[in-house]
PDB file of N, CA and C in Angstrom:
ATOM      1  N   MET A   1      86.829 106.464 122.776  1.00  0.00           N
ATOM      2  CA  MET A   1      87.562 106.001 121.608  1.00  0.00           C
ATOM      3  C   MET A   1      87.480 104.478 121.576  1.00  0.00           C
ATOM      4  N   SER A   2      87.164 103.918 120.416  1.00  0.00           N
ATOM      5  CA  SER A   2      87.030 102.477 120.321  1.00  0.00           C
ATOM      6  C   SER A   2      88.404 101.815 120.276  1.00  0.00           C
ATOM      7  N   GLN A   3      88.379 100.525 120.582  1.00  0.00           N
ATOM      8  CA  GLN A   3      89.637  99.782 120.604  1.00  0.00           C
ATOM      9  C   GLN A   3      90.253  99.732 119.207  1.00  0.00           C
ATOM     10  N   SER A   4      89.412  99.593 118.162  1.00  0.00           N
ATOM     11  CA  SER A   4      89.960  99.519 116.803  1.00  0.00           C
ATOM     12  C   SER A   4      90.643 100.824 116.400  1.00  0.00           C
ATOM     13  N   SER A   5      90.085 101.969 116.810  1.00  0.00           N
ATOM     14  CA  SER A   5      90.746 103.232 116.463  1.00  0.00           C
ATOM     15  C   SER A   5      92.055 103.385 117.227  1.00  0.00           C
ATOM     16  N   GLU A   6      92.110 102.857 118.450  1.00  0.00           N
ATOM     17  CA  GLU A   6      93.369 102.880 119.206  1.00  0.00           C
ATOM     18  C   GLU A   6      94.413 102.012 118.521  1.00  0.00           C
ATOM     19  N   LEU A   7      93.983 100.855 117.998  1.00  0.00           N
ATOM     20  CA  LEU A   7      94.913  99.977 117.296  1.00  0.00           C
ATOM     21  C   LEU A   7      95.424 100.644 116.027  1.00  0.00           C
ATOM     22  N   LYS A   8      94.545 101.343 115.310  1.00  0.00           N
ATOM     23  CA  LYS A   8      94.969 102.041 114.098  1.00  0.00           C
ATOM     24  C   LYS A   8      95.955 103.145 114.444  1.00  0.00           C
ATOM     25  N   ARG A   9      95.686 103.875 115.514  1.00  0.00           N
ATOM     26  CA  ARG A   9      96.609 104.926 115.950  1.00  0.00           C
ATOM     27  C   ARG A   9      97.967 104.330 116.301  1.00  0.00           C
ATOM     28  N   SER A  10      97.952 103.221 117.004  1.00  0.00           N
ATOM     29  CA  SER A  10      99.227 102.616 117.384  1.00  0.00           C
ATOM     30  C   SER A  10      99.950 102.092 116.148  1.00  0.00           C
ATOM     31  N   LYS A  11      99.191 101.648 115.133  1.00  0.00           N
ATOM     32  CA  LYS A  11      99.821 101.192 113.896  1.00  0.00           C
ATOM     33  C   LYS A  11     100.496 102.369 113.197  1.00  0.00           C
ATOM     34  N   VAL A  12      99.815 103.512 113.140  1.00  0.00           N
ATOM     35  CA  VAL A  12     100.400 104.713 112.541  1.00  0.00           C
ATOM     36  C   VAL A  12     101.659 105.099 113.306  1.00  0.00           C
ATOM     37  N   GLN A  13     101.584 105.099 114.628  1.00  0.00           N
ATOM     38  CA  GLN A  13     102.737 105.466 115.449  1.00  0.00           C
ATOM     39  C   GLN A  13     103.888 104.487 115.243  1.00  0.00           C
ATOM     40  N   GLU A  14     103.559 103.204 115.129  1.00  0.00           N
ATOM     41  CA  GLU A  14     104.585 102.180 114.918  1.00  0.00           C
ATOM     42  C   GLU A  14     105.312 102.410 113.589  1.00  0.00           C
ATOM     43  N   ILE A  15     104.556 102.725 112.545  1.00  0.00           N
ATOM     44  CA  ILE A  15     105.165 102.973 111.237  1.00  0.00           C
ATOM     45  C   ILE A  15     106.014 104.241 111.280  1.00  0.00           C
ATOM     46  N   GLU A  16     105.500 105.284 111.926  1.00  0.00           N
ATOM     47  CA  GLU A  16     106.280 106.526 112.060  1.00  0.00           C
ATOM     48  C   GLU A  16     107.581 106.270 112.806  1.00  0.00           C
ATOM     49  N   ASP A  17     107.532 105.424 113.819  1.00  0.00           N
ATOM     50  CA  ASP A  17     108.746 105.078 114.567  1.00  0.00           C
ATOM     51  C   ASP A  17     109.748 104.341 113.679  1.00  0.00           C
ATOM     52  N   LYS A  18     109.239 103.433 112.837  1.00  0.00           N
ATOM     53  CA  LYS A  18     110.120 102.694 111.927  1.00  0.00           C
ATOM     54  C   LYS A  18     110.790 103.641 110.934  1.00  0.00           C
ATOM     55  N   ILE A  19     110.025 104.609 110.429  1.00  0.00           N
ATOM     56  CA  ILE A  19     110.587 105.592 109.492  1.00  0.00           C
ATOM     57  C   ILE A  19     111.669 106.419 110.186  1.00  0.00           C
ATOM     58  N   ALA A  20     111.392 106.857 111.399  1.00  0.00           N
ATOM     59  CA  ALA A  20     112.371 107.654 112.147  1.00  0.00           C
ATOM     60  C   ALA A  20     113.644 106.850 112.403  1.00  0.00           C
ATOM     61  N   GLU A  21     113.485 105.580 112.739  1.00  0.00           N
ATOM     62  CA  GLU A  21     114.644 104.722 113.004  1.00  0.00           C
ATOM     63  C   GLU A  21     115.465 104.543 111.733  1.00  0.00           C
ATOM     64  N   LEU A  22     114.781 104.319 110.611  1.00  0.00           N
ATOM     65  CA  LEU A  22     115.477 104.157 109.337  1.00  0.00           C
ATOM     66  C   LEU A  22     116.238 105.432 108.975  1.00  0.00           C
ATOM     67  N   LYS A  23     115.587 106.571 109.135  1.00  0.00           N
ATOM     68  CA  LYS A  23     116.236 107.846 108.806  1.00  0.00           C
ATOM     69  C   LYS A  23     117.411 108.139 109.733  1.00  0.00           C
ATOM     70  N   SER A  24     117.369 107.625 110.959  1.00  0.00           N
ATOM     71  CA  SER A  24     118.491 107.838 111.878  1.00  0.00           C
ATOM     72  C   SER A  24     119.737 107.071 111.422  1.00  0.00           C
ATOM     73  N   ARG A  25     119.524 106.009 110.643  1.00  0.00           N
ATOM     74  CA  ARG A  25     120.644 105.221 110.109  1.00  0.00           C
ATOM     75  C   ARG A  25     121.049 105.678 108.708  1.00  0.00           C
ATOM     76  N   TRP A  26     120.341 106.669 108.168  1.00  0.00           N
ATOM     77  CA  TRP A  26     120.548 107.139 106.799  1.00  0.00           C
ATOM     78  C   TRP A  26     121.928 107.771 106.655  1.00  0.00           C
ATOM     79  N   PRO A  27     122.769 107.274 105.745  1.00  0.00           N
ATOM     80  CA  PRO A  27     124.089 107.889 105.547  1.00  0.00           C
ATOM     81  C   PRO A  27     123.969 109.219 104.801  1.00  0.00           C
ATOM     82  N   LYS A  28     124.956 110.072 104.972  1.00  0.00           N
ATOM     83  CA  LYS A  28     124.931 111.377 104.296  1.00  0.00           C
ATOM     84  C   LYS A  28     125.151 111.217 102.795  1.00  0.00           C
ATOM     85  N   HIS A  29     125.866 110.174 102.414  1.00  0.00           N
ATOM     86  CA  HIS A  29     126.183 109.943 101.004  1.00  0.00           C
ATOM     87  C   HIS A  29     125.962 108.475 100.676  1.00  0.00           C
ATOM     88  N   SER A  30     125.717 108.210  99.431  1.00  0.00           N
ATOM     89  CA  SER A  30     125.635 106.845  98.909  1.00  0.00           C
ATOM     90  C   SER A  30     124.628 105.977  99.662  1.00  0.00           C
ATOM     91  N   VAL A  31     123.387 106.407  99.656  1.00  0.00           N
ATOM     92  CA  VAL A  31     122.329 105.627 100.294  1.00  0.00           C
ATOM     93  C   VAL A  31     122.052 104.402  99.433  1.00  0.00           C
ATOM     94  N   LYS A  32     121.989 103.241 100.071  1.00  0.00           N
ATOM     95  CA  LYS A  32     121.757 102.003  99.344  1.00  0.00           C
ATOM     96  C   LYS A  32     120.313 101.944  98.851  1.00  0.00           C
ATOM     97  N   VAL A  33     120.158 101.297  97.707  1.00  0.00           N
ATOM     98  CA  VAL A  33     118.836 101.165  97.091  1.00  0.00           C
ATOM     99  C   VAL A  33     117.860 100.483  98.049  1.00  0.00           C
ATOM    100  N   ALA A  34     118.332  99.517  98.789  1.00  0.00           N
ATOM    101  CA  ALA A  34     117.461  98.799  99.725  1.00  0.00           C
ATOM    102  C   ALA A  34     116.872  99.739 100.776  1.00  0.00           C
ATOM    103  N   MET A  35     117.655 100.708 101.208  1.00  0.00           N
ATOM    104  CA  MET A  35     117.148 101.667 102.200  1.00  0.00           C
ATOM    105  C   MET A  35     116.091 102.570 101.580  1.00  0.00           C
ATOM    106  N   TRP A  36     116.325 103.022 100.343  1.00  0.00           N
ATOM    107  CA  TRP A  36     115.327 103.842  99.651  1.00  0.00           C
ATOM    108  C   TRP A  36     114.028 103.059  99.500  1.00  0.00           C
ATOM    109  N   ARG A  37     114.159 101.799  99.097  1.00  0.00           N
ATOM    110  CA  ARG A  37     112.987 100.948  98.891  1.00  0.00           C
ATOM    111  C   ARG A  37     112.228 100.765 100.203  1.00  0.00           C
ATOM    112  N   GLN A  38     112.952 100.525 101.275  1.00  0.00           N
ATOM    113  CA  GLN A  38     112.322 100.341 102.580  1.00  0.00           C
ATOM    114  C   GLN A  38     111.584 101.613 103.009  1.00  0.00           C
ATOM    115  N   LEU A  39     112.206 102.767 102.781  1.00  0.00           N
ATOM    116  CA  LEU A  39     111.561 104.033 103.125  1.00  0.00           C
ATOM    117  C   LEU A  39     110.278 104.221 102.320  1.00  0.00           C
ATOM    118  N   GLU A  40     110.331 103.948 101.021  1.00  0.00           N
ATOM    119  CA  GLU A  40     109.149 104.092 100.178  1.00  0.00           C
ATOM    120  C   GLU A  40     108.028 103.166 100.638  1.00  0.00           C
ATOM    121  N   GLU A  41     108.373 101.930 100.979  1.00  0.00           N
ATOM    122  CA  GLU A  41     107.367 100.974 101.442  1.00  0.00           C
ATOM    123  C   GLU A  41     106.743 101.433 102.756  1.00  0.00           C
ATOM    124  N   LEU A  42     107.569 101.921 103.672  1.00  0.00           N
ATOM    125  CA  LEU A  42     107.051 102.404 104.951  1.00  0.00           C
ATOM    126  C   LEU A  42     106.160 103.625 104.760  1.00  0.00           C
ATOM    127  N   GLU A  43     106.548 104.521 103.872  1.00  0.00           N
ATOM    128  CA  GLU A  43     105.733 105.715 103.629  1.00  0.00           C
ATOM    129  C   GLU A  43     104.385 105.347 103.011  1.00  0.00           C
ATOM    130  N   GLU A  44     104.375 104.354 102.110  1.00  0.00           N
ATOM    131  CA  GLU A  44     103.118 103.895 101.523  1.00  0.00           C
ATOM    132  C   GLU A  44     102.245 103.231 102.583  1.00  0.00           C
ATOM    133  N   GLU A  45     102.859 102.424 103.428  1.00  0.00           N
ATOM    134  CA  GLU A  45     102.134 101.767 104.511  1.00  0.00           C
ATOM    135  C   GLU A  45     101.557 102.806 105.478  1.00  0.00           C
ATOM    136  N   LEU A  46     102.334 103.835 105.771  1.00  0.00           N
ATOM    137  CA  LEU A  46     101.873 104.908 106.650  1.00  0.00           C
ATOM    138  C   LEU A  46     100.673 105.624 106.035  1.00  0.00           C
ATOM    139  N   GLU A  47     100.747 105.903 104.756  1.00  0.00           N
ATOM    140  CA  GLU A  47      99.641 106.583 104.074  1.00  0.00           C
ATOM    141  C   GLU A  47      98.363 105.744 104.152  1.00  0.00           C
ATOM    142  N   ARG A  48      98.486 104.436 103.920  1.00  0.00           N
ATOM    143  CA  ARG A  48      97.313 103.552 104.012  1.00  0.00           C
ATOM    144  C   ARG A  48      96.742 103.545 105.421  1.00  0.00           C
ATOM    145  N   ALA A  49      97.608 103.459 106.416  1.00  0.00           N
ATOM    146  CA  ALA A  49      97.158 103.424 107.811  1.00  0.00           C
ATOM    147  C   ALA A  49      96.473 104.735 108.195  1.00  0.00           C
ATOM    148  N   GLN A  50      97.007 105.851 107.721  1.00  0.00           N
ATOM    149  CA  GLN A  50      96.394 107.150 108.020  1.00  0.00           C
ATOM    150  C   GLN A  50      95.029 107.277 107.354  1.00  0.00           C
ATOM    151  N   LYS A  51      94.893 106.748 106.131  1.00  0.00           N
ATOM    152  CA  LYS A  51      93.601 106.778 105.447  1.00  0.00           C
ATOM    153  C   LYS A  51      92.585 105.915 106.186  1.00  0.00           C
ATOM    154  N   GLU A  52      93.025 104.747 106.666  1.00  0.00           N
ATOM    155  CA  GLU A  52      92.139 103.880 107.444  1.00  0.00           C
ATOM    156  C   GLU A  52      91.686 104.598 108.707  1.00  0.00           C
ATOM    157  N   GLU A  53      92.624 105.263 109.362  1.00  0.00           N
ATOM    158  CA  GLU A  53      92.314 105.994 110.588  1.00  0.00           C
ATOM    159  C   GLU A  53      91.319 107.117 110.300  1.00  0.00           C
ATOM    160  N   ALA A  54      91.543 107.849 109.232  1.00  0.00           N
ATOM    161  CA  ALA A  54      90.645 108.953 108.871  1.00  0.00           C
ATOM    162  C   ALA A  54      89.270 108.413 108.507  1.00  0.00           C
ATOM    163  N   GLY A  55      89.222 107.278 107.844  1.00  0.00           N
ATOM    164  CA  GLY A  55      87.950 106.660 107.495  1.00  0.00           C
ATOM    165  C   GLY A  55      87.180 106.238 108.725  1.00  0.00           C
ATOM    166  N   GLY A  56      87.874 105.750 109.732  1.00  0.00           N
ATOM    167  CA  GLY A  56      87.239 105.350 110.986  1.00  0.00           C
ATOM    168  C   GLY A  56      86.716 106.532 111.760  1.00  0.00           C
ATOM    169  N   GLN A  57      87.379 107.675 111.653  1.00  0.00           N
ATOM    170  CA  GLN A  57      86.943 108.872 112.372  1.00  0.00           C
ATOM    171  C   GLN A  57      85.678 109.445 111.763  1.00  0.00           C
ATOM    172  N   LYS A  58      85.458 109.243 110.457  1.00  0.00           N
ATOM    173  CA  LYS A  58      84.252 109.749 109.813  1.00  0.00           C
ATOM    174  C   LYS A  58      83.010 109.056 110.361  1.00  0.00           C
ATOM    175  N   ASP A  59      83.165 107.781 110.770  1.00  0.00           N
ATOM    176  CA  ASP A  59      82.043 107.013 111.282  1.00  0.00           C
ATOM    177  C   ASP A  59      81.632 107.438 112.676  1.00  0.00           C
ATOM    178  N   SER A  60      82.557 107.986 113.445  1.00  0.00           N
ATOM    179  CA  SER A  60      82.247 108.345 114.827  1.00  0.00           C
ATOM    180  C   SER A  60      81.569 109.709 114.883  1.00  0.00           C
ATOM    181  N   PRO A  61      80.671 109.894 115.846  1.00  0.00           N
ATOM    182  CA  PRO A  61      79.994 111.190 115.959  1.00  0.00           C
ATOM    183  C   PRO A  61      80.971 112.292 116.341  1.00  0.00           C
ATOM    184  N   GLY A  62      80.742 113.503 115.809  1.00  0.00           N
ATOM    185  CA  GLY A  62      81.653 114.611 115.964  1.00  0.00           C
ATOM    186  C   GLY A  62      81.591 115.256 117.271  1.00  0.00           C
TER     187      GLY A  62
END
């Protein structure tokens, strides 16, 4: 596994950890708009990182 793919994996894991941490602080009622916005941004960032990771895997031999 190349170093760049390891970095991409760690980036995905880092974003997933941030999402989990945010959700652990999520109130049962009256979630603030800022928290929703942060979750949406993290989910978009995660999607981009996963696409980058998948793109890198296509280049490597199967």
